[in-house]
Amino acid sequence: MITAEETREEYICRHIGLVHTCAHRFKGRGIEYDDLFQAGCVGLIKAADGFEPERGLQFSTYAVPLILGEMRRLFREGGTVKVSRALKELSLRAVRAREQLAVELGREPTVEAIANVLQVEPAEAAQALCAGLPPLSLTADDQENEGRSWDLPTPSHEGAVTDRLALSQIIDRLEERDRRLIQLRYMNGKTQQATADLLGMSQVQVSRRERVLLEWMRQELTG
């Protein structure tokens, strides 16, 4: 959930790795990565506005189906996300509306509230906000994003598991450290060494435990 110390944009950017992870699974299927990213951002914004932590779900569990849904919509419509002059102008208006509402409400406004001001559908407002959100590179090495890495696992049988895992709540049945391990590796895109450092394990221990967990989840998912 959005904390008192961070803005809505910071909250969205903190979870932008989910969009990269989802976009990665559609690479090479006929739609440009940037278009997939922008569509996914629409889903991420909807998730940020609709997430209810009191329901007991992890944000990633709630957000990923919405992100994937927007990407699949892009395939169904057979087009690309075009940032037209009209969308750029709407994006500027959306930013101004968000800033004004934030002052009036004393909190970050929802997409629905911004849409009401703009007199457009919520989906249009979300897309306008996304148009002004620059994508982070998969390996952000600039000064501002130093230390933030979106390294993704290479395609393999593990990748097939994570594709299905993204739409499943099975991750919530794991023990806390196992759940954290899977989230770091396949939701946050951390390398095994980075995961090991965060969990106080060795890279070898992470690798072995990861294989065990993936096999167990594969069996659970396939019945």
Protein backbone atom coordinates (compact mmCIF):
# COMPACT_ATOMS: atom_id res chain seq x y z
CA MET A 1 0.00 0.00 0.00
CA ILE A 2 1.03 3.63 -0.45
CA THR A 3 2.79 4.84 2.68
CA ALA A 4 2.70 8.35 4.10
CA GLU A 5 6.33 8.81 3.08
CA GLU A 6 5.89 8.12 -0.65
CA THR A 7 3.84 9.59 -3.46
CA ARG A 8 1.58 7.61 -5.74
CA GLU A 9 4.17 7.87 -8.52
CA GLU A 10 6.90 6.56 -6.22
CA TYR A 11 4.66 3.65 -5.21
CA ILE A 12 4.00 2.78 -8.86
CA CYS A 13 7.68 3.08 -9.75
CA ARG A 14 8.56 0.82 -6.80
CA HIS A 15 6.51 -1.94 -8.46
CA ILE A 16 7.42 -1.19 -12.08
CA GLY A 17 9.48 -4.40 -12.16
CA LEU A 18 6.20 -6.33 -12.32
CA VAL A 19 5.46 -4.68 -15.67
CA HIS A 20 8.88 -5.62 -17.03
CA THR A 21 8.46 -9.21 -15.83
CA CYS A 22 5.05 -9.52 -17.52
CA ALA A 23 6.20 -7.80 -20.72
CA HIS A 24 9.15 -10.19 -20.96
CA ARG A 25 6.85 -13.19 -21.43
CA PHE A 26 5.35 -11.61 -24.57
CA LYS A 27 8.63 -10.62 -26.21
CA GLY A 28 9.00 -11.74 -29.81
CA ARG A 29 5.25 -12.13 -30.40
CA GLY A 30 4.79 -9.23 -32.79
CA ILE A 31 4.30 -6.23 -30.50
CA GLU A 32 7.09 -3.85 -29.55
CA TYR A 33 8.38 -4.06 -25.99
CA ASP A 34 7.68 -0.34 -25.35
CA ASP A 35 4.03 -0.86 -26.32
CA LEU A 36 3.77 -3.84 -23.98
CA PHE A 37 5.35 -1.78 -21.23
CA GLN A 38 2.94 1.11 -21.65
CA ALA A 39 -0.09 -1.21 -21.71
CA GLY A 40 1.21 -2.92 -18.59
CA CYS A 41 1.56 0.44 -16.85
CA VAL A 42 -2.15 1.01 -17.35
CA GLY A 43 -2.79 -2.25 -15.48
CA LEU A 44 -0.30 -1.29 -12.77
CA ILE A 45 -2.02 2.06 -12.18
CA LYS A 46 -5.40 0.33 -11.96
CA ALA A 47 -3.92 -2.12 -9.48
CA ALA A 48 -2.41 0.67 -7.36
CA ASP A 49 -5.80 2.36 -7.15
CA GLY A 50 -7.86 -0.78 -6.53
CA PHE A 51 -5.58 -2.70 -4.17
CA GLU A 52 -7.08 -3.46 -0.75
CA PRO A 53 -4.32 -4.83 1.54
CA GLU A 54 -6.86 -5.72 4.21
CA ARG A 55 -8.03 -8.58 1.98
CA GLY A 56 -4.77 -10.36 2.75
CA LEU A 57 -3.29 -10.53 -0.77
CA GLN A 58 0.20 -9.52 -1.78
CA PHE A 59 0.17 -6.51 -4.11
CA SER A 60 1.96 -8.52 -6.80
CA THR A 61 -0.71 -11.25 -6.64
CA TYR A 62 -3.39 -8.63 -7.23
CA ALA A 63 -1.51 -6.54 -9.79
CA VAL A 64 -0.09 -9.14 -12.18
CA PRO A 65 -3.45 -10.32 -13.60
CA LEU A 66 -4.42 -6.69 -14.29
CA ILE A 67 -1.08 -6.00 -15.96
CA LEU A 68 -1.35 -9.13 -18.09
CA GLY A 69 -4.96 -8.28 -18.94
CA GLU A 70 -3.95 -4.94 -20.44
CA MET A 71 -1.19 -6.60 -22.45
CA ARG A 72 -3.58 -9.26 -23.76
CA ARG A 73 -6.02 -6.50 -24.70
CA LEU A 74 -3.25 -5.06 -26.87
CA PHE A 75 -2.96 -8.36 -28.73
CA ARG A 76 -6.73 -8.68 -29.13
CA GLU A 77 -6.96 -5.21 -30.61
CA GLY A 78 -4.07 -6.01 -32.93
CA GLY A 79 -2.48 -2.62 -32.57
CA THR A 80 0.07 -0.59 -30.72
CA VAL A 81 -0.18 2.00 -28.00
CA LYS A 82 0.08 5.20 -30.02
CA VAL A 83 1.14 8.29 -28.10
CA SER A 84 -0.70 10.80 -30.27
CA ARG A 85 -0.68 14.58 -29.89
CA ALA A 86 -4.12 14.32 -28.26
CA LEU A 87 -2.84 11.77 -25.75
CA LYS A 88 0.18 13.93 -24.93
CA GLU A 89 -2.11 16.89 -24.31
CA LEU A 90 -4.41 14.74 -22.17
CA SER A 91 -1.36 13.53 -20.27
CA LEU A 92 -0.43 17.10 -19.36
CA ARG A 93 -3.99 17.79 -18.25
CA ALA A 94 -4.03 14.58 -16.22
CA VAL A 95 -0.85 15.57 -14.38
CA ARG A 96 -2.27 19.01 -13.59
CA ALA A 97 -5.56 17.46 -12.44
CA ARG A 98 -3.73 14.99 -10.22
CA GLU A 99 -1.67 17.74 -8.61
CA GLN A 100 -4.73 19.92 -8.03
CA LEU A 101 -6.77 17.07 -6.55
CA ALA A 102 -3.87 16.04 -4.32
CA VAL A 103 -3.86 19.54 -2.82
CA GLU A 104 -7.65 19.65 -2.43
CA LEU A 105 -7.99 16.12 -0.98
CA GLY A 106 -4.80 16.01 1.02
CA ARG A 107 -3.95 12.64 -0.51
CA GLU A 108 -3.19 11.05 -3.85
CA PRO A 109 -6.36 10.97 -6.01
CA THR A 110 -7.64 7.83 -7.69
CA VAL A 111 -7.76 7.39 -11.45
CA GLU A 112 -11.57 7.67 -11.25
CA ALA A 113 -11.31 11.09 -9.58
CA ILE A 114 -8.86 12.32 -12.21
CA ALA A 115 -11.11 10.94 -14.97
CA ASN A 116 -14.06 12.88 -13.55
CA VAL A 117 -12.11 16.13 -13.73
CA LEU A 118 -10.97 15.37 -17.28
CA GLN A 119 -14.44 14.13 -18.25
CA VAL A 120 -13.03 10.95 -19.77
CA GLU A 121 -13.27 7.24 -19.01
CA PRO A 122 -10.96 5.93 -16.22
CA ALA A 123 -9.08 3.79 -18.75
CA GLU A 124 -8.29 6.91 -20.80
CA ALA A 125 -7.09 8.74 -17.70
CA ALA A 126 -4.86 5.80 -16.76
CA GLN A 127 -3.36 5.69 -20.24
CA ALA A 128 -2.76 9.44 -20.13
CA LEU A 129 -0.94 9.14 -16.82
CA CYS A 130 1.14 6.29 -18.24
CA ALA A 131 2.10 8.36 -21.27
CA GLY A 132 4.03 10.63 -18.94
CA LEU A 133 5.67 7.78 -17.03
CA PRO A 134 9.11 6.99 -18.54
CA PRO A 135 9.96 3.29 -18.65
CA LEU A 136 12.92 2.08 -16.63
CA SER A 137 15.47 0.03 -18.48
CA LEU A 138 15.81 -3.63 -17.59
CA THR A 139 19.21 -2.85 -16.11
CA ALA A 140 19.01 0.68 -14.80
CA ASP A 141 22.57 1.85 -14.39
CA ASP A 142 22.05 5.62 -14.35
CA GLN A 143 22.79 7.60 -11.22
CA GLU A 144 19.17 8.13 -10.25
CA ASN A 145 18.34 4.43 -10.39
CA GLU A 146 21.68 3.16 -9.15
CA GLY A 147 21.35 -0.24 -7.57
CA ARG A 148 17.91 -0.94 -9.07
CA SER A 149 18.14 -3.95 -11.32
CA TRP A 150 15.38 -5.61 -13.28
CA ASP A 151 17.43 -8.62 -14.38
CA LEU A 152 15.07 -11.33 -15.58
CA PRO A 153 15.57 -15.09 -15.56
CA THR A 154 16.48 -16.62 -18.88
CA PRO A 155 13.72 -18.64 -20.59
CA SER A 156 13.63 -22.18 -19.26
CA HIS A 157 11.28 -24.64 -17.60
CA GLU A 158 11.44 -22.35 -14.56
CA GLY A 159 10.09 -19.55 -16.75
CA ALA A 160 7.05 -21.64 -17.64
CA VAL A 161 6.35 -22.10 -13.96
CA THR A 162 6.59 -18.40 -13.21
CA ASP A 163 4.20 -17.58 -16.05
CA ARG A 164 1.52 -19.66 -14.36
CA LEU A 165 2.58 -18.59 -10.91
CA ALA A 166 1.91 -14.98 -11.86
CA LEU A 167 -1.82 -15.78 -12.11
CA SER A 168 -1.97 -17.99 -9.05
CA GLN A 169 -2.22 -17.35 -5.36
CA ILE A 170 -0.28 -20.48 -4.57
CA ILE A 171 2.66 -18.33 -3.54
CA ASP A 172 0.70 -17.27 -0.45
CA ARG A 173 0.78 -20.87 0.82
CA LEU A 174 4.57 -20.86 1.12
CA GLU A 175 6.45 -20.32 4.35
CA GLU A 176 7.54 -16.72 4.84
CA ARG A 177 11.19 -17.15 3.76
CA ASP A 178 10.25 -19.35 0.80
CA ARG A 179 7.62 -16.84 -0.27
CA ARG A 180 10.17 -14.04 -0.02
CA LEU A 181 12.67 -16.06 -2.05
CA ILE A 182 10.19 -16.58 -4.90
CA GLN A 183 9.06 -12.95 -4.80
CA LEU A 184 12.62 -11.68 -4.97
CA ARG A 185 13.54 -14.00 -7.82
CA TYR A 186 10.41 -13.94 -9.98
CA MET A 187 8.43 -10.88 -8.99
CA ASN A 188 11.27 -8.46 -8.29
CA GLY A 189 13.68 -10.02 -10.80
CA LYS A 190 16.59 -10.34 -8.36
CA THR A 191 19.56 -12.54 -9.20
CA GLN A 192 20.31 -15.56 -7.01
CA GLN A 193 23.25 -13.76 -5.42
CA ALA A 194 21.19 -10.65 -4.64
CA THR A 195 18.45 -12.85 -3.19
CA ALA A 196 20.99 -14.72 -1.09
CA ASP A 197 22.36 -11.46 0.31
CA LEU A 198 18.89 -10.26 1.28
CA LEU A 199 17.86 -13.54 2.91
CA GLY A 200 21.14 -14.26 4.68
CA MET A 201 21.76 -17.38 2.58
CA SER A 202 24.46 -18.49 0.20
CA GLN A 203 23.91 -18.46 -3.56
CA VAL A 204 24.12 -22.26 -3.58
CA GLN A 205 21.44 -22.52 -0.89
CA VAL A 206 19.15 -20.20 -2.84
CA SER A 207 19.69 -22.21 -6.01
CA ARG A 208 18.89 -25.53 -4.33
CA ARG A 209 15.87 -24.21 -2.45
CA GLU A 210 14.57 -22.50 -5.57
CA ARG A 211 14.65 -25.77 -7.51
CA VAL A 212 12.75 -27.55 -4.74
CA LEU A 213 10.11 -24.82 -4.56
CA LEU A 214 9.63 -24.64 -8.33
CA GLU A 215 9.17 -28.39 -8.55
CA TRP A 216 6.64 -28.36 -5.70
CA MET A 217 4.72 -25.47 -7.28
CA ARG A 218 4.77 -27.17 -10.67
CA GLN A 219 3.20 -30.27 -9.13
CA GLU A 220 0.61 -28.18 -7.29
CA LEU A 221 -0.30 -26.22 -10.39
CA THR A 222 -0.55 -29.20 -12.70
CA GLY A 223 -2.37 -31.40 -10.20
